[in-house]
Amino acid sequence: MTDSELRAQSLEIAFSVLLQSGDLGDAQDAAHFLLHTIDEMMAKGERRRLLLSNAAIDAYRSRYQPLVLAS
């Protein structure tokens, strides 16, 4: 599998999970954020597709999920 294929598949998995879970905000912003996260990890040598997609999902959720305050 080439790096381009790995990148595309990792993005597809992450995007699909966020869409199905209802956590996806603006699709274009989400795609840019997910790709940036995946690219950073690939630049460090990571090549495991599920690790790339899960890390991107976790980073997106921690950045974009609203805080729920308890009273």
Foldseek 3Di string as FASTA:
>chain_A
DDPVVLLVLLLVVLLVVCVVVVNDDPSVVLSVQLSVQLVVVVVVPDRDSVVSNVVSNVVSCVPPPDDDDDD
